[in-house]
């Protein structure tokens, strides 16, 4: 059961990454599907949170293994806050500069890649 949830967690994180990055691009270009990507990114974020919590409950000793989990969870929290901020931008009809969207897009991409690497390799 644990390894099934572990694999599911990785797949859902990839899905969340795809939807969040698409959400950022659709906000930047003011596309009509920005509401769909916003909903899907928040939904996947909540599924990631649920599956990750279940994994931690199934194996609570993992929190004592190393610093890697705390670093990964810090990036998770930052990306969740960013996702909620973009939802705020969407519903308040705020306009950000194209440069801000680009910076947040690439920093989010890097954060997701770092999170996956930390999950797969547990370097420290």
PDB file of N, CA and C in Angstrom:
ATOM      1  N   UNK A   1       0.819  -1.196   0.000  1.00  0.00           N
ATOM      2  CA  UNK A   1       0.000   0.000   0.000  1.00  0.00           C
ATOM      3  C   UNK A   1       0.866   1.265   0.000  1.00  0.00           C
ATOM      4  N   UNK A   2       1.957   1.240   0.785  1.00  0.00           N
ATOM      5  CA  UNK A   2       2.817   2.414   0.894  1.00  0.00           C
ATOM      6  C   UNK A   2       3.442   2.763  -0.453  1.00  0.00           C
ATOM      7  N   UNK A   3       3.957   1.767  -1.161  1.00  0.00           N
ATOM      8  CA  UNK A   3       4.619   2.049  -2.438  1.00  0.00           C
ATOM      9  C   UNK A   3       3.632   2.460  -3.513  1.00  0.00           C
ATOM     10  N   UNK A   4       2.414   1.953  -3.434  1.00  0.00           N
ATOM     11  CA  UNK A   4       1.373   2.405  -4.355  1.00  0.00           C
ATOM     12  C   UNK A   4       1.105   3.896  -4.142  1.00  0.00           C
ATOM     13  N   UNK A   5       0.963   4.289  -2.873  1.00  0.00           N
ATOM     14  CA  UNK A   5       0.722   5.703  -2.569  1.00  0.00           C
ATOM     15  C   UNK A   5       1.923   6.569  -2.930  1.00  0.00           C
ATOM     16  N   UNK A   6       3.127   6.021  -2.766  1.00  0.00           N
ATOM     17  CA  UNK A   6       4.342   6.750  -3.117  1.00  0.00           C
ATOM     18  C   UNK A   6       4.367   7.055  -4.622  1.00  0.00           C
ATOM     19  N   UNK A   7       4.057   6.036  -5.432  1.00  0.00           N
ATOM     20  CA  UNK A   7       3.989   6.236  -6.885  1.00  0.00           C
ATOM     21  C   UNK A   7       2.866   7.176  -7.270  1.00  0.00           C
ATOM     22  N   UNK A   8       1.727   7.027  -6.605  1.00  0.00           N
ATOM     23  CA  UNK A   8       0.594   7.912  -6.868  1.00  0.00           C
ATOM     24  C   UNK A   8       0.952   9.350  -6.516  1.00  0.00           C
ATOM     25  N   UNK A   9       1.667   9.527  -5.427  1.00  0.00           N
ATOM     26  CA  UNK A   9       2.093  10.859  -5.014  1.00  0.00           C
ATOM     27  C   UNK A   9       2.972  11.512  -6.084  1.00  0.00           C
ATOM     28  N   UNK A  10       3.904  10.762  -6.623  1.00  0.00           N
ATOM     29  CA  UNK A  10       4.770  11.300  -7.680  1.00  0.00           C
ATOM     30  C   UNK A  10       3.969  11.676  -8.924  1.00  0.00           C
ATOM     31  N   UNK A  11       3.033  10.818  -9.318  1.00  0.00           N
ATOM     32  CA  UNK A  11       2.205  11.121 -10.491  1.00  0.00           C
ATOM     33  C   UNK A  11       1.340  12.360 -10.277  1.00  0.00           C
ATOM     34  N   UNK A  12       0.797  12.495  -9.092  1.00  0.00           N
ATOM     35  CA  UNK A  12      -0.055  13.644  -8.816  1.00  0.00           C
ATOM     36  C   UNK A  12       0.777  14.920  -8.732  1.00  0.00           C
ATOM     37  N   UNK A  13       2.017  14.822  -8.217  1.00  0.00           N
ATOM     38  CA  UNK A  13       2.893  15.997  -8.197  1.00  0.00           C
ATOM     39  C   UNK A  13       3.207  16.440  -9.625  1.00  0.00           C
ATOM     40  N   UNK A  14       3.480  15.482 -10.517  1.00  0.00           N
ATOM     41  CA  UNK A  14       3.703  15.835 -11.924  1.00  0.00           C
ATOM     42  C   UNK A  14       2.465  16.504 -12.518  1.00  0.00           C
ATOM     43  N   UNK A  15       1.293  15.977 -12.214  1.00  0.00           N
ATOM     44  CA  UNK A  15       0.049  16.582 -12.719  1.00  0.00           C
ATOM     45  C   UNK A  15      -0.130  17.993 -12.178  1.00  0.00           C
ATOM     46  N   UNK A  16       0.137  18.170 -10.891  1.00  0.00           N
ATOM     47  CA  UNK A  16       0.024  19.502 -10.288  1.00  0.00           C
ATOM     48  C   UNK A  16       1.001  20.465 -10.958  1.00  0.00           C
ATOM     49  N   UNK A  17       2.219  19.992 -11.210  1.00  0.00           N
ATOM     50  CA  UNK A  17       3.215  20.843 -11.870  1.00  0.00           C
ATOM     51  C   UNK A  17       2.736  21.276 -13.244  1.00  0.00           C
ATOM     52  N   UNK A  18       2.213  20.338 -13.999  1.00  0.00           N
ATOM     53  CA  UNK A  18       1.740  20.654 -15.353  1.00  0.00           C
ATOM     54  C   UNK A  18       0.607  21.670 -15.302  1.00  0.00           C
ATOM     55  N   UNK A  19      -0.376  21.437 -14.428  1.00  0.00           N
ATOM     56  CA  UNK A  19      -1.524  22.344 -14.362  1.00  0.00           C
ATOM     57  C   UNK A  19      -1.132  23.717 -13.813  1.00  0.00           C
ATOM     58  N   UNK A  20      -0.228  23.755 -12.835  1.00  0.00           N
ATOM     59  CA  UNK A  20       0.185  25.056 -12.308  1.00  0.00           C
ATOM     60  C   UNK A  20       0.968  25.846 -13.351  1.00  0.00           C
ATOM     61  N   UNK A  21       1.867  25.184 -14.055  1.00  0.00           N
ATOM     62  CA  UNK A  21       2.636  25.886 -15.083  1.00  0.00           C
ATOM     63  C   UNK A  21       1.735  26.352 -16.223  1.00  0.00           C
ATOM     64  N   UNK A  22       0.761  25.542 -16.599  1.00  0.00           N
ATOM     65  CA  UNK A  22      -0.202  25.962 -17.620  1.00  0.00           C
ATOM     66  C   UNK A  22      -1.076  27.109 -17.112  1.00  0.00           C
ATOM     67  N   UNK A  23      -1.411  27.073 -15.838  1.00  0.00           N
ATOM     68  CA  UNK A  23      -2.198  28.144 -15.226  1.00  0.00           C
ATOM     69  C   UNK A  23      -1.436  29.464 -15.299  1.00  0.00           C
ATOM     70  N   UNK A  24      -0.141  29.429 -14.993  1.00  0.00           N
ATOM     71  CA  UNK A  24       0.674  30.644 -15.058  1.00  0.00           C
ATOM     72  C   UNK A  24       0.712  31.183 -16.487  1.00  0.00           C
ATOM     73  N   UNK A  25       0.940  30.291 -17.467  1.00  0.00           N
ATOM     74  CA  UNK A  25       0.998  30.740 -18.868  1.00  0.00           C
ATOM     75  C   UNK A  25      -0.353  31.261 -19.351  1.00  0.00           C
ATOM     76  N   UNK A  26      -1.451  30.623 -18.916  1.00  0.00           N
ATOM     77  CA  UNK A  26      -2.760  31.101 -19.360  1.00  0.00           C
ATOM     78  C   UNK A  26      -3.111  32.447 -18.715  1.00  0.00           C
ATOM     79  N   UNK A  27      -2.638  32.680 -17.486  1.00  0.00           N
ATOM     80  CA  UNK A  27      -2.818  34.001 -16.886  1.00  0.00           C
ATOM     81  C   UNK A  27      -1.987  35.046 -17.621  1.00  0.00           C
ATOM     82  N   UNK A  28      -0.764  34.683 -17.955  1.00  0.00           N
ATOM     83  CA  UNK A  28       0.134  35.610 -18.639  1.00  0.00           C
ATOM     84  C   UNK A  28      -0.432  36.039 -19.982  1.00  0.00           C
ATOM     85  N   UNK A  29      -1.016  35.095 -20.712  1.00  0.00           N
ATOM     86  CA  UNK A  29      -1.522  35.381 -22.051  1.00  0.00           C
ATOM     87  C   UNK A  29      -3.028  35.666 -22.067  1.00  0.00           C
ATOM     88  N   UNK A  30      -3.652  35.715 -20.881  1.00  0.00           N
ATOM     89  CA  UNK A  30      -5.077  36.011 -20.740  1.00  0.00           C
ATOM     90  C   UNK A  30      -5.948  35.087 -21.599  1.00  0.00           C
ATOM     91  N   UNK A  31      -5.680  33.802 -21.494  1.00  0.00           N
ATOM     92  CA  UNK A  31      -6.434  32.805 -22.244  1.00  0.00           C
ATOM     93  C   UNK A  31      -7.739  32.470 -21.531  1.00  0.00           C
ATOM     94  N   UNK A  32      -8.766  32.076 -22.282  1.00  0.00           N
ATOM     95  CA  UNK A  32     -10.053  31.777 -21.638  1.00  0.00           C
ATOM     96  C   UNK A  32     -10.034  30.517 -20.775  1.00  0.00           C
ATOM     97  N   UNK A  33      -9.067  29.617 -20.965  1.00  0.00           N
ATOM     98  CA  UNK A  33      -9.019  28.385 -20.178  1.00  0.00           C
ATOM     99  C   UNK A  33      -8.277  28.552 -18.856  1.00  0.00           C
ATOM    100  N   UNK A  34      -7.996  29.791 -18.469  1.00  0.00           N
ATOM    101  CA  UNK A  34      -7.274  30.029 -17.216  1.00  0.00           C
ATOM    102  C   UNK A  34      -8.079  29.568 -16.006  1.00  0.00           C
ATOM    103  N   UNK A  35      -9.408  29.604 -16.084  1.00  0.00           N
ATOM    104  CA  UNK A  35     -10.242  29.136 -14.978  1.00  0.00           C
ATOM    105  C   UNK A  35     -10.143  27.622 -14.816  1.00  0.00           C
ATOM    106  N   UNK A  36     -10.094  26.911 -15.927  1.00  0.00           N
ATOM    107  CA  UNK A  36      -9.968  25.455 -15.877  1.00  0.00           C
ATOM    108  C   UNK A  36      -8.623  25.062 -15.276  1.00  0.00           C
ATOM    109  N   UNK A  37      -7.544  25.688 -15.749  1.00  0.00           N
ATOM    110  CA  UNK A  37      -6.223  25.373 -15.206  1.00  0.00           C
ATOM    111  C   UNK A  37      -6.108  25.800 -13.742  1.00  0.00           C
ATOM    112  N   UNK A  38      -6.748  26.887 -13.369  1.00  0.00           N
ATOM    113  CA  UNK A  38      -6.747  27.306 -11.972  1.00  0.00           C
ATOM    114  C   UNK A  38      -7.433  26.288 -11.081  1.00  0.00           C
ATOM    115  N   UNK A  39      -8.606  25.832 -11.513  1.00  0.00           N
ATOM    116  CA  UNK A  39      -9.335  24.816 -10.739  1.00  0.00           C
ATOM    117  C   UNK A  39      -8.531  23.525 -10.658  1.00  0.00           C
ATOM    118  N   UNK A  40      -8.000  23.063 -11.794  1.00  0.00           N
ATOM    119  CA  UNK A  40      -7.256  21.805 -11.801  1.00  0.00           C
ATOM    120  C   UNK A  40      -5.974  21.887 -10.983  1.00  0.00           C
ATOM    121  N   UNK A  41      -5.300  23.030 -11.008  1.00  0.00           N
ATOM    122  CA  UNK A  41      -4.068  23.138 -10.224  1.00  0.00           C
ATOM    123  C   UNK A  41      -4.376  23.118  -8.722  1.00  0.00           C
ATOM    124  N   UNK A  42      -5.431  23.779  -8.304  1.00  0.00           N
ATOM    125  CA  UNK A  42      -5.803  23.760  -6.885  1.00  0.00           C
ATOM    126  C   UNK A  42      -6.282  22.369  -6.483  1.00  0.00           C
ATOM    127  N   UNK A  43      -7.049  21.714  -7.342  1.00  0.00           N
ATOM    128  CA  UNK A  43      -7.512  20.364  -7.047  1.00  0.00           C
ATOM    129  C   UNK A  43      -6.329  19.401  -6.891  1.00  0.00           C
ATOM    130  N   UNK A  44      -5.383  19.451  -7.828  1.00  0.00           N
ATOM    131  CA  UNK A  44      -4.210  18.580  -7.738  1.00  0.00           C
ATOM    132  C   UNK A  44      -3.349  18.924  -6.523  1.00  0.00           C
ATOM    133  N   UNK A  45      -3.282  20.192  -6.186  1.00  0.00           N
ATOM    134  CA  UNK A  45      -2.541  20.606  -4.992  1.00  0.00           C
ATOM    135  C   UNK A  45      -3.146  19.951  -3.746  1.00  0.00           C
ATOM    136  N   UNK A  46      -4.467  19.936  -3.656  1.00  0.00           N
ATOM    137  CA  UNK A  46      -5.136  19.327  -2.511  1.00  0.00           C
ATOM    138  C   UNK A  46      -4.959  17.809  -2.494  1.00  0.00           C
ATOM    139  N   UNK A  47      -4.958  17.187  -3.676  1.00  0.00           N
ATOM    140  CA  UNK A  47      -4.723  15.740  -3.740  1.00  0.00           C
ATOM    141  C   UNK A  47      -3.291  15.428  -3.309  1.00  0.00           C
ATOM    142  N   UNK A  48      -2.319  16.228  -3.745  1.00  0.00           N
ATOM    143  CA  UNK A  48      -0.930  16.052  -3.320  1.00  0.00           C
ATOM    144  C   UNK A  48      -0.832  16.163  -1.808  1.00  0.00           C
ATOM    145  N   UNK A  49      -1.497  17.144  -1.253  1.00  0.00           N
ATOM    146  CA  UNK A  49      -1.481  17.345   0.193  1.00  0.00           C
ATOM    147  C   UNK A  49      -2.092  16.144   0.922  1.00  0.00           C
ATOM    148  N   UNK A  50      -3.188  15.623   0.404  1.00  0.00           N
ATOM    149  CA  UNK A  50      -3.841  14.471   1.023  1.00  0.00           C
ATOM    150  C   UNK A  50      -3.010  13.203   0.950  1.00  0.00           C
ATOM    151  N   UNK A  51      -2.489  12.910  -0.235  1.00  0.00           N
ATOM    152  CA  UNK A  51      -1.688  11.690  -0.405  1.00  0.00           C
ATOM    153  C   UNK A  51      -0.381  11.804   0.374  1.00  0.00           C
ATOM    154  N   UNK A  52       0.237  12.975   0.366  1.00  0.00           N
ATOM    155  CA  UNK A  52       1.467  13.169   1.130  1.00  0.00           C
ATOM    156  C   UNK A  52       1.244  13.018   2.623  1.00  0.00           C
ATOM    157  N   UNK A  53       0.136  13.532   3.118  1.00  0.00           N
ATOM    158  CA  UNK A  53      -0.199  13.379   4.535  1.00  0.00           C
ATOM    159  C   UNK A  53      -0.413  11.909   4.876  1.00  0.00           C
ATOM    160  N   UNK A  54      -1.097  11.192   3.993  1.00  0.00           N
ATOM    161  CA  UNK A  54      -1.324   9.758   4.220  1.00  0.00           C
ATOM    162  C   UNK A  54       0.005   9.005   4.246  1.00  0.00           C
ATOM    163  N   UNK A  55       0.929   9.363   3.362  1.00  0.00           N
ATOM    164  CA  UNK A  55       2.255   8.736   3.364  1.00  0.00           C
ATOM    165  C   UNK A  55       2.989   8.992   4.678  1.00  0.00           C
ATOM    166  N   UNK A  56       2.905  10.211   5.176  1.00  0.00           N
ATOM    167  CA  UNK A  56       3.562  10.539   6.445  1.00  0.00           C
ATOM    168  C   UNK A  56       2.920   9.787   7.610  1.00  0.00           C
ATOM    169  N   UNK A  57       1.610   9.587   7.563  1.00  0.00           N
ATOM    170  CA  UNK A  57       0.944   8.846   8.628  1.00  0.00           C
ATOM    171  C   UNK A  57       1.275   7.357   8.577  1.00  0.00           C
ATOM    172  N   UNK A  58       1.467   6.825   7.367  1.00  0.00           N
ATOM    173  CA  UNK A  58       1.822   5.415   7.236  1.00  0.00           C
ATOM    174  C   UNK A  58       3.258   5.125   7.677  1.00  0.00           C
ATOM    175  N   UNK A  59       4.139   6.115   7.547  1.00  0.00           N
ATOM    176  CA  UNK A  59       5.542   5.933   7.895  1.00  0.00           C
ATOM    177  C   UNK A  59       6.055   7.184   8.624  1.00  0.00           C
ATOM    178  N   UNK A  60       5.667   7.372   9.889  1.00  0.00           N
ATOM    179  CA  UNK A  60       6.056   8.597  10.597  1.00  0.00           C
ATOM    180  C   UNK A  60       7.552   8.702  10.880  1.00  0.00           C
ATOM    181  N   UNK A  61       8.274   7.601  10.824  1.00  0.00           N
ATOM    182  CA  UNK A  61       9.719   7.648  11.094  1.00  0.00           C
ATOM    183  C   UNK A  61      10.487   8.346   9.970  1.00  0.00           C
ATOM    184  N   UNK A  62       9.855   8.546   8.832  1.00  0.00           N
ATOM    185  CA  UNK A  62      10.521   9.195   7.694  1.00  0.00           C
ATOM    186  C   UNK A  62      10.876  10.649   8.030  1.00  0.00           C
ATOM    187  N   UNK A  63      10.127  11.264   8.949  1.00  0.00           N
ATOM    188  CA  UNK A  63      10.396  12.653   9.325  1.00  0.00           C
ATOM    189  C   UNK A  63      11.693  12.793  10.112  1.00  0.00           C
ATOM    190  N   UNK A  64      12.183  11.689  10.670  1.00  0.00           N
ATOM    191  CA  UNK A  64      13.407  11.735  11.467  1.00  0.00           C
ATOM    192  C   UNK A  64      14.638  11.288  10.690  1.00  0.00           C
ATOM    193  N   UNK A  65      14.475  10.928   9.428  1.00  0.00           N
ATOM    194  CA  UNK A  65      15.568  10.364   8.640  1.00  0.00           C
ATOM    195  C   UNK A  65      16.593  11.404   8.227  1.00  0.00           C
ATOM    196  N   UNK A  66      16.140  12.541   7.775  1.00  0.00           N
ATOM    197  CA  UNK A  66      17.092  13.540   7.305  1.00  0.00           C
ATOM    198  C   UNK A  66      16.434  14.874   7.031  1.00  0.00           C
ATOM    199  N   UNK A  67      17.243  15.792   6.577  1.00  0.00           N
ATOM    200  CA  UNK A  67      16.793  17.151   6.311  1.00  0.00           C
ATOM    201  C   UNK A  67      16.013  17.232   4.991  1.00  0.00           C
ATOM    202  N   UNK A  68      16.210  16.254   4.102  1.00  0.00           N
ATOM    203  CA  UNK A  68      15.640  16.321   2.759  1.00  0.00           C
ATOM    204  C   UNK A  68      14.121  16.512   2.782  1.00  0.00           C
ATOM    205  N   UNK A  69      13.436  15.846   3.731  1.00  0.00           N
ATOM    206  CA  UNK A  69      11.979  15.960   3.781  1.00  0.00           C
ATOM    207  C   UNK A  69      11.552  17.375   4.172  1.00  0.00           C
ATOM    208  N   UNK A  70      12.269  17.988   5.079  1.00  0.00           N
ATOM    209  CA  UNK A  70      11.925  19.348   5.509  1.00  0.00           C
ATOM    210  C   UNK A  70      12.171  20.354   4.384  1.00  0.00           C
ATOM    211  N   UNK A  71      13.223  20.143   3.615  1.00  0.00           N
ATOM    212  CA  UNK A  71      13.487  21.007   2.468  1.00  0.00           C
ATOM    213  C   UNK A  71      12.383  20.827   1.426  1.00  0.00           C
ATOM    214  N   UNK A  72      12.026  19.570   1.166  1.00  0.00           N
ATOM    215  CA  UNK A  72      10.969  19.277   0.189  1.00  0.00           C
ATOM    216  C   UNK A  72       9.638  19.887   0.626  1.00  0.00           C
ATOM    217  N   UNK A  73       9.296  19.730   1.896  1.00  0.00           N
ATOM    218  CA  UNK A  73       8.040  20.290   2.391  1.00  0.00           C
ATOM    219  C   UNK A  73       8.046  21.817   2.358  1.00  0.00           C
ATOM    220  N   UNK A  74       9.207  22.418   2.537  1.00  0.00           N
ATOM    221  CA  UNK A  74       9.298  23.879   2.425  1.00  0.00           C
ATOM    222  C   UNK A  74       8.981  24.335   1.003  1.00  0.00           C
ATOM    223  N   UNK A  75       9.521  23.612   0.013  1.00  0.00           N
ATOM    224  CA  UNK A  75       9.193  23.941  -1.375  1.00  0.00           C
ATOM    225  C   UNK A  75       7.717  23.673  -1.669  1.00  0.00           C
ATOM    226  N   UNK A  76       7.163  22.599  -1.085  1.00  0.00           N
ATOM    227  CA  UNK A  76       5.735  22.322  -1.245  1.00  0.00           C
ATOM    228  C   UNK A  76       4.896  23.491  -0.758  1.00  0.00           C
ATOM    229  N   UNK A  77       5.216  23.979   0.431  1.00  0.00           N
ATOM    230  CA  UNK A  77       4.444  25.073   1.020  1.00  0.00           C
ATOM    231  C   UNK A  77       4.579  26.340   0.176  1.00  0.00           C
ATOM    232  N   UNK A  78       5.792  26.630  -0.294  1.00  0.00           N
ATOM    233  CA  UNK A  78       5.975  27.814  -1.145  1.00  0.00           C
ATOM    234  C   UNK A  78       5.163  27.715  -2.432  1.00  0.00           C
ATOM    235  N   UNK A  79       5.153  26.535  -3.058  1.00  0.00           N
ATOM    236  CA  UNK A  79       4.390  26.365  -4.296  1.00  0.00           C
ATOM    237  C   UNK A  79       2.888  26.405  -4.036  1.00  0.00           C
ATOM    238  N   UNK A  80       2.457  25.899  -2.895  1.00  0.00           N
ATOM    239  CA  UNK A  80       1.035  25.987  -2.554  1.00  0.00           C
ATOM    240  C   UNK A  80       0.618  27.443  -2.348  1.00  0.00           C
ATOM    241  N   UNK A  81       1.456  28.207  -1.677  1.00  0.00           N
ATOM    242  CA  UNK A  81       1.157  29.629  -1.498  1.00  0.00           C
ATOM    243  C   UNK A  81       1.144  30.364  -2.838  1.00  0.00           C
ATOM    244  N   UNK A  82       2.079  29.999  -3.719  1.00  0.00           N
ATOM    245  CA  UNK A  82       2.101  30.617  -5.045  1.00  0.00           C
ATOM    246  C   UNK A  82       0.841  30.261  -5.824  1.00  0.00           C
ATOM    247  N   UNK A  83       0.414  29.012  -5.730  1.00  0.00           N
ATOM    248  CA  UNK A  83      -0.794  28.571  -6.423  1.00  0.00           C
ATOM    249  C   UNK A  83      -2.005  29.361  -5.927  1.00  0.00           C
ATOM    250  N   UNK A  84      -2.113  29.535  -4.620  1.00  0.00           N
ATOM    251  CA  UNK A  84      -3.224  30.304  -4.057  1.00  0.00           C
ATOM    252  C   UNK A  84      -3.133  31.779  -4.439  1.00  0.00           C
ATOM    253  N   UNK A  85      -1.910  32.308  -4.524  1.00  0.00           N
ATOM    254  CA  UNK A  85      -1.747  33.692  -4.956  1.00  0.00           C
ATOM    255  C   UNK A  85      -2.233  33.881  -6.395  1.00  0.00           C
ATOM    256  N   UNK A  86      -1.890  32.933  -7.275  1.00  0.00           N
ATOM    257  CA  UNK A  86      -2.349  33.037  -8.659  1.00  0.00           C
ATOM    258  C   UNK A  86      -3.866  32.900  -8.748  1.00  0.00           C
ATOM    259  N   UNK A  87      -4.460  32.116  -7.866  1.00  0.00           N
ATOM    260  CA  UNK A  87      -5.918  32.034  -7.830  1.00  0.00           C
ATOM    261  C   UNK A  87      -6.507  33.388  -7.407  1.00  0.00           C
ATOM    262  N   UNK A  88      -5.863  34.033  -6.456  1.00  0.00           N
ATOM    263  CA  UNK A  88      -6.260  35.381  -6.041  1.00  0.00           C
ATOM    264  C   UNK A  88      -6.140  36.357  -7.212  1.00  0.00           C
ATOM    265  N   UNK A  89      -5.019  36.277  -7.950  1.00  0.00           N
ATOM    266  CA  UNK A  89      -4.817  37.137  -9.122  1.00  0.00           C
ATOM    267  C   UNK A  89      -5.928  36.902 -10.140  1.00  0.00           C
ATOM    268  N   UNK A  90      -6.300  35.646 -10.339  1.00  0.00           N
ATOM    269  CA  UNK A  90      -7.335  35.303 -11.313  1.00  0.00           C
ATOM    270  C   UNK A  90      -8.677  35.925 -10.937  1.00  0.00           C
ATOM    271  N   UNK A  91      -9.102  35.744  -9.694  1.00  0.00           N
ATOM    272  CA  UNK A  91     -10.446  36.187  -9.324  1.00  0.00           C
ATOM    273  C   UNK A  91     -10.529  37.670  -9.000  1.00  0.00           C
ATOM    274  N   UNK A  92      -9.408  38.308  -8.733  1.00  0.00           N
ATOM    275  CA  UNK A  92      -9.411  39.756  -8.532  1.00  0.00           C
ATOM    276  C   UNK A  92      -9.084  40.505  -9.825  1.00  0.00           C
ATOM    277  N   UNK A  93      -8.895  39.782 -10.911  1.00  0.00           N
ATOM    278  CA  UNK A  93      -8.581  40.356 -12.225  1.00  0.00           C
ATOM    279  C   UNK A  93      -7.369  41.285 -12.177  1.00  0.00           C
ATOM    280  N   UNK A  94      -6.371  40.875 -11.439  1.00  0.00           N
ATOM    281  CA  UNK A  94      -5.138  41.659 -11.358  1.00  0.00           C
ATOM    282  C   UNK A  94      -4.265  41.341 -12.572  1.00  0.00           C
ATOM    283  N   UNK A  95      -3.507  42.303 -12.978  1.00  0.00           N
ATOM    284  CA  UNK A  95      -2.589  42.153 -14.099  1.00  0.00           C
ATOM    285  C   UNK A  95      -1.164  42.294 -13.568  1.00  0.00           C
ATOM    286  N   UNK A  96      -0.356  41.283 -13.796  1.00  0.00           N
ATOM    287  CA  UNK A  96       1.060  41.329 -13.439  1.00  0.00           C
ATOM    288  C   UNK A  96       1.867  41.532 -14.714  1.00  0.00           C
ATOM    289  N   UNK A  97       3.072  41.988 -14.562  1.00  0.00           N
ATOM    290  CA  UNK A  97       3.910  42.183 -15.747  1.00  0.00           C
ATOM    291  C   UNK A  97       4.346  40.833 -16.304  1.00  0.00           C
ATOM    292  N   UNK A  98       4.639  40.833 -17.567  1.00  0.00           N
ATOM    293  CA  UNK A  98       5.066  39.606 -18.236  1.00  0.00           C
ATOM    294  C   UNK A  98       6.350  39.057 -17.625  1.00  0.00           C
ATOM    295  N   UNK A  99       7.216  39.943 -17.188  1.00  0.00           N
ATOM    296  CA  UNK A  99       8.483  39.527 -16.574  1.00  0.00           C
ATOM    297  C   UNK A  99       8.236  38.786 -15.255  1.00  0.00           C
ATOM    298  N   UNK A 100       7.261  39.242 -14.471  1.00  0.00           N
ATOM    299  CA  UNK A 100       6.918  38.575 -13.212  1.00  0.00           C
ATOM    300  C   UNK A 100       6.396  37.171 -13.488  1.00  0.00           C
ATOM    301  N   UNK A 101       5.527  37.052 -14.506  1.00  0.00           N
ATOM    302  CA  UNK A 101       5.018  35.729 -14.862  1.00  0.00           C
ATOM    303  C   UNK A 101       6.158  34.800 -15.277  1.00  0.00           C
ATOM    304  N   UNK A 102       7.092  35.308 -16.067  1.00  0.00           N
ATOM    305  CA  UNK A 102       8.220  34.480 -16.519  1.00  0.00           C
ATOM    306  C   UNK A 102       9.090  34.028 -15.351  1.00  0.00           C
ATOM    307  N   UNK A 103       9.368  34.955 -14.444  1.00  0.00           N
ATOM    308  CA  UNK A 103      10.196  34.606 -13.287  1.00  0.00           C
ATOM    309  C   UNK A 103       9.497  33.561 -12.426  1.00  0.00           C
ATOM    310  N   UNK A 104       8.212  33.755 -12.161  1.00  0.00           N
ATOM    311  CA  UNK A 104       7.481  32.791 -11.344  1.00  0.00           C
ATOM    312  C   UNK A 104       7.295  31.461 -12.058  1.00  0.00           C
ATOM    313  N   UNK A 105       7.148  31.495 -13.374  1.00  0.00           N
ATOM    314  CA  UNK A 105       7.023  30.249 -14.143  1.00  0.00           C
ATOM    315  C   UNK A 105       8.290  29.411 -14.010  1.00  0.00           C
ATOM    316  N   UNK A 106       9.447  30.013 -14.274  1.00  0.00           N
ATOM    317  CA  UNK A 106      10.694  29.248 -14.259  1.00  0.00           C
ATOM    318  C   UNK A 106      11.129  28.886 -12.847  1.00  0.00           C
ATOM    319  N   UNK A 107      10.835  29.726 -11.876  1.00  0.00           N
ATOM    320  CA  UNK A 107      11.161  29.351 -10.501  1.00  0.00           C
ATOM    321  C   UNK A 107      10.260  28.203 -10.025  1.00  0.00           C
ATOM    322  N   UNK A 108       9.010  28.189 -10.458  1.00  0.00           N
ATOM    323  CA  UNK A 108       8.110  27.080 -10.132  1.00  0.00           C
ATOM    324  C   UNK A 108       8.580  25.794 -10.800  1.00  0.00           C
ATOM    325  N   UNK A 109       8.982  25.908 -12.040  1.00  0.00           N
ATOM    326  CA  UNK A 109       9.499  24.739 -12.756  1.00  0.00           C
ATOM    327  C   UNK A 109      10.702  24.157 -12.018  1.00  0.00           C
ATOM    328  N   UNK A 110      11.630  25.018 -11.629  1.00  0.00           N
ATOM    329  CA  UNK A 110      12.806  24.563 -10.902  1.00  0.00           C
ATOM    330  C   UNK A 110      12.455  23.963  -9.552  1.00  0.00           C
ATOM    331  N   UNK A 111      11.499  24.560  -8.864  1.00  0.00           N
ATOM    332  CA  UNK A 111      11.085  24.042  -7.555  1.00  0.00           C
ATOM    333  C   UNK A 111      10.457  22.658  -7.689  1.00  0.00           C
ATOM    334  N   UNK A 112       9.639  22.453  -8.719  1.00  0.00           N
ATOM    335  CA  UNK A 112       9.041  21.137  -8.927  1.00  0.00           C
ATOM    336  C   UNK A 112      10.113  20.096  -9.254  1.00  0.00           C
ATOM    337  N   UNK A 113      11.073  20.457 -10.075  1.00  0.00           N
ATOM    338  CA  UNK A 113      12.138  19.507 -10.404  1.00  0.00           C
ATOM    339  C   UNK A 113      12.973  19.174  -9.170  1.00  0.00           C
ATOM    340  N   UNK A 114      13.237  20.176  -8.353  1.00  0.00           N
ATOM    341  CA  UNK A 114      13.981  19.953  -7.119  1.00  0.00           C
ATOM    342  C   UNK A 114      13.188  19.063  -6.161  1.00  0.00           C
ATOM    343  N   UNK A 115      11.880  19.293  -6.060  1.00  0.00           N
ATOM    344  CA  UNK A 115      11.045  18.455  -5.192  1.00  0.00           C
ATOM    345  C   UNK A 115      11.048  17.005  -5.641  1.00  0.00           C
ATOM    346  N   UNK A 116      10.945  16.781  -6.938  1.00  0.00           N
ATOM    347  CA  UNK A 116      10.958  15.406  -7.446  1.00  0.00           C
ATOM    348  C   UNK A 116      12.323  14.767  -7.193  1.00  0.00           C
ATOM    349  N   UNK A 117      13.392  15.516  -7.404  1.00  0.00           N
ATOM    350  CA  UNK A 117      14.726  14.974  -7.135  1.00  0.00           C
ATOM    351  C   UNK A 117      14.905  14.648  -5.658  1.00  0.00           C
ATOM    352  N   UNK A 118      14.400  15.506  -4.789  1.00  0.00           N
ATOM    353  CA  UNK A 118      14.502  15.225  -3.366  1.00  0.00           C
ATOM    354  C   UNK A 118      13.681  14.000  -2.973  1.00  0.00           C
ATOM    355  N   UNK A 119      12.543  13.821  -3.612  1.00  0.00           N
ATOM    356  CA  UNK A 119      11.706  12.653  -3.320  1.00  0.00           C
ATOM    357  C   UNK A 119      12.354  11.372  -3.823  1.00  0.00           C
ATOM    358  N   UNK A 120      12.921  11.418  -5.006  1.00  0.00           N
ATOM    359  CA  UNK A 120      13.479  10.199  -5.593  1.00  0.00           C
ATOM    360  C   UNK A 120      14.831   9.796  -4.991  1.00  0.00           C
ATOM    361  N   UNK A 121      15.700  10.768  -4.718  1.00  0.00           N
ATOM    362  CA  UNK A 121      17.081  10.439  -4.365  1.00  0.00           C
ATOM    363  C   UNK A 121      17.428  10.643  -2.898  1.00  0.00           C
ATOM    364  N   UNK A 122      16.654  11.425  -2.173  1.00  0.00           N
ATOM    365  CA  UNK A 122      16.892  11.701  -0.746  1.00  0.00           C
ATOM    366  C   UNK A 122      18.375  11.958  -0.473  1.00  0.00           C
ATOM    367  N   UNK A 123      18.913  13.039  -1.009  1.00  0.00           N
ATOM    368  CA  UNK A 123      20.367  13.241  -0.984  1.00  0.00           C
ATOM    369  C   UNK A 123      20.978  13.531   0.377  1.00  0.00           C
ATOM    370  N   UNK A 124      20.223  14.065   1.306  1.00  0.00           N
ATOM    371  CA  UNK A 124      20.798  14.374   2.615  1.00  0.00           C
ATOM    372  C   UNK A 124      19.785  14.153   3.709  1.00  0.00           C
TER     373      UNK A 124
END
